[in-house]
Amino acid sequence: MDFFHDIVVLPILSMQKSFCENSLLISIDVKK
């Protein structure tokens, strides 16, 4: 189960993190 968790959850979390960072960058660019 831990193996499955690592395969599925970690990539999703990393995708969400990068998506949030991209959204922040976009919002900062818009404010300029």
PDB file of N, CA and C in Angstrom:
ATOM      1  N   MET A   1       0.841  -1.199   0.000  1.00  0.00           N
ATOM      2  CA  MET A   1       0.000   0.000   0.000  1.00  0.00           C
ATOM      3  C   MET A   1       0.874   1.245   0.000  1.00  0.00           C
ATOM      4  N   ASP A   2       1.956   1.226   0.753  1.00  0.00           N
ATOM      5  CA  ASP A   2       2.850   2.381   0.738  1.00  0.00           C
ATOM      6  C   ASP A   2       3.425   2.596  -0.654  1.00  0.00           C
ATOM      7  N   PHE A   3       3.739   1.500  -1.308  1.00  0.00           N
ATOM      8  CA  PHE A   3       4.292   1.611  -2.660  1.00  0.00           C
ATOM      9  C   PHE A   3       3.286   2.293  -3.582  1.00  0.00           C
ATOM     10  N   PHE A   4       2.054   1.838  -3.530  1.00  0.00           N
ATOM     11  CA  PHE A   4       0.981   2.440  -4.326  1.00  0.00           C
ATOM     12  C   PHE A   4       0.837   3.920  -3.982  1.00  0.00           C
ATOM     13  N   HIS A   5       0.878   4.208  -2.695  1.00  0.00           N
ATOM     14  CA  HIS A   5       0.752   5.593  -2.236  1.00  0.00           C
ATOM     15  C   HIS A   5       1.857   6.463  -2.831  1.00  0.00           C
ATOM     16  N   ASP A   6       3.089   5.953  -2.818  1.00  0.00           N
ATOM     17  CA  ASP A   6       4.206   6.721  -3.368  1.00  0.00           C
ATOM     18  C   ASP A   6       4.038   6.943  -4.865  1.00  0.00           C
ATOM     19  N   ILE A   7       3.558   5.928  -5.561  1.00  0.00           N
ATOM     20  CA  ILE A   7       3.432   6.034  -7.015  1.00  0.00           C
ATOM     21  C   ILE A   7       2.338   7.024  -7.402  1.00  0.00           C
ATOM     22  N   VAL A   8       1.251   7.030  -6.645  1.00  0.00           N
ATOM     23  CA  VAL A   8       0.081   7.813  -7.059  1.00  0.00           C
ATOM     24  C   VAL A   8       0.047   9.194  -6.409  1.00  0.00           C
ATOM     25  N   VAL A   9       0.259   9.239  -5.104  1.00  0.00           N
ATOM     26  CA  VAL A   9       0.012  10.483  -4.378  1.00  0.00           C
ATOM     27  C   VAL A   9       1.140  11.491  -4.569  1.00  0.00           C
ATOM     28  N   LEU A  10       2.379  11.036  -4.532  1.00  0.00           N
ATOM     29  CA  LEU A  10       3.488  11.981  -4.627  1.00  0.00           C
ATOM     30  C   LEU A  10       3.494  12.750  -5.945  1.00  0.00           C
ATOM     31  N   PRO A  11       3.327  12.095  -7.087  1.00  0.00           N
ATOM     32  CA  PRO A  11       3.249  12.861  -8.336  1.00  0.00           C
ATOM     33  C   PRO A  11       2.105  13.865  -8.342  1.00  0.00           C
ATOM     34  N   ILE A  12       0.971  13.481  -7.775  1.00  0.00           N
ATOM     35  CA  ILE A  12      -0.169  14.407  -7.740  1.00  0.00           C
ATOM     36  C   ILE A  12       0.175  15.618  -6.874  1.00  0.00           C
ATOM     37  N   LEU A  13       0.794  15.395  -5.726  1.00  0.00           N
ATOM     38  CA  LEU A  13       1.169  16.504  -4.859  1.00  0.00           C
ATOM     39  C   LEU A  13       2.170  17.413  -5.551  1.00  0.00           C
ATOM     40  N   SER A  14       3.147  16.832  -6.219  1.00  0.00           N
ATOM     41  CA  SER A  14       4.143  17.649  -6.908  1.00  0.00           C
ATOM     42  C   SER A  14       3.494  18.436  -8.042  1.00  0.00           C
ATOM     43  N   MET A  15       2.529  17.834  -8.730  1.00  0.00           N
ATOM     44  CA  MET A  15       1.817  18.556  -9.783  1.00  0.00           C
ATOM     45  C   MET A  15       1.034  19.719  -9.193  1.00  0.00           C
ATOM     46  N   GLN A  16       0.356  19.481  -8.077  1.00  0.00           N
ATOM     47  CA  GLN A  16      -0.408  20.558  -7.448  1.00  0.00           C
ATOM     48  C   GLN A  16       0.521  21.677  -7.002  1.00  0.00           C
ATOM     49  N   LYS A  17       1.674  21.317  -6.462  1.00  0.00           N
ATOM     50  CA  LYS A  17       2.628  22.322  -6.001  1.00  0.00           C
ATOM     51  C   LYS A  17       3.109  23.176  -7.163  1.00  0.00           C
ATOM     52  N   SER A  18       3.497  22.531  -8.248  1.00  0.00           N
ATOM     53  CA  SER A  18       3.980  23.287  -9.400  1.00  0.00           C
ATOM     54  C   SER A  18       2.852  24.122  -9.997  1.00  0.00           C
ATOM     55  N   PHE A  19       1.643  23.596  -9.992  1.00  0.00           N
ATOM     56  CA  PHE A  19       0.503  24.350 -10.512  1.00  0.00           C
ATOM     57  C   PHE A  19       0.271  25.599  -9.665  1.00  0.00           C
ATOM     58  N   CYS A  20       0.345  25.463  -8.345  1.00  0.00           N
ATOM     59  CA  CYS A  20       0.166  26.617  -7.464  1.00  0.00           C
ATOM     60  C   CYS A  20       1.258  27.644  -7.715  1.00  0.00           C
ATOM     61  N   GLU A  21       2.500  27.196  -7.869  1.00  0.00           N
ATOM     62  CA  GLU A  21       3.598  28.122  -8.120  1.00  0.00           C
ATOM     63  C   GLU A  21       3.391  28.845  -9.444  1.00  0.00           C
ATOM     64  N   ASN A  22       2.957  28.118 -10.474  1.00  0.00           N
ATOM     65  CA  ASN A  22       2.702  28.752 -11.759  1.00  0.00           C
ATOM     66  C   ASN A  22       1.585  29.777 -11.645  1.00  0.00           C
ATOM     67  N   SER A  23       0.547  29.468 -10.897  1.00  0.00           N
ATOM     68  CA  SER A  23      -0.554  30.406 -10.715  1.00  0.00           C
ATOM     69  C   SER A  23      -0.063  31.667 -10.012  1.00  0.00           C
ATOM     70  N   LEU A  24       0.795  31.497  -9.012  1.00  0.00           N
ATOM     71  CA  LEU A  24       1.343  32.658  -8.321  1.00  0.00           C
ATOM     72  C   LEU A  24       2.171  33.505  -9.275  1.00  0.00           C
ATOM     73  N   LEU A  25       2.998  32.858 -10.074  1.00  0.00           N
ATOM     74  CA  LEU A  25       3.822  33.599 -11.026  1.00  0.00           C
ATOM     75  C   LEU A  25       2.947  34.355 -12.016  1.00  0.00           C
ATOM     76  N   ILE A  26       1.896  33.714 -12.489  1.00  0.00           N
ATOM     77  CA  ILE A  26       1.004  34.366 -13.445  1.00  0.00           C
ATOM     78  C   ILE A  26       0.325  35.564 -12.787  1.00  0.00           C
ATOM     79  N   SER A  27      -0.151  35.402 -11.575  1.00  0.00           N
ATOM     80  CA  SER A  27      -0.842  36.500 -10.905  1.00  0.00           C
ATOM     81  C   SER A  27       0.124  37.659 -10.663  1.00  0.00           C
ATOM     82  N   ILE A  28       1.380  37.359 -10.357  1.00  0.00           N
ATOM     83  CA  ILE A  28       2.381  38.416 -10.164  1.00  0.00           C
ATOM     84  C   ILE A  28       2.627  39.139 -11.485  1.00  0.00           C
ATOM     85  N   ASP A  29       2.725  38.381 -12.572  1.00  0.00           N
ATOM     86  CA  ASP A  29       2.934  39.004 -13.877  1.00  0.00           C
ATOM     87  C   ASP A  29       1.765  39.911 -14.232  1.00  0.00           C
ATOM     88  N   VAL A  30       0.573  39.508 -13.892  1.00  0.00           N
ATOM     89  CA  VAL A  30      -0.613  40.306 -14.221  1.00  0.00           C
ATOM     90  C   VAL A  30      -0.598  41.612 -13.436  1.00  0.00           C
ATOM     91  N   LYS A  31      -0.117  41.580 -12.211  1.00  0.00           N
ATOM     92  CA  LYS A  31      -0.123  42.786 -11.372  1.00  0.00           C
ATOM     93  C   LYS A  31       0.883  43.825 -11.852  1.00  0.00           C
ATOM     94  N   LYS A  32       1.907  43.403 -12.578  1.00  0.00           N
ATOM     95  CA  LYS A  32       2.952  44.346 -12.991  1.00  0.00           C
ATOM     96  C   LYS A  32       2.388  45.448 -13.881  1.00  0.00           C
TER      97      LYS A  32
END
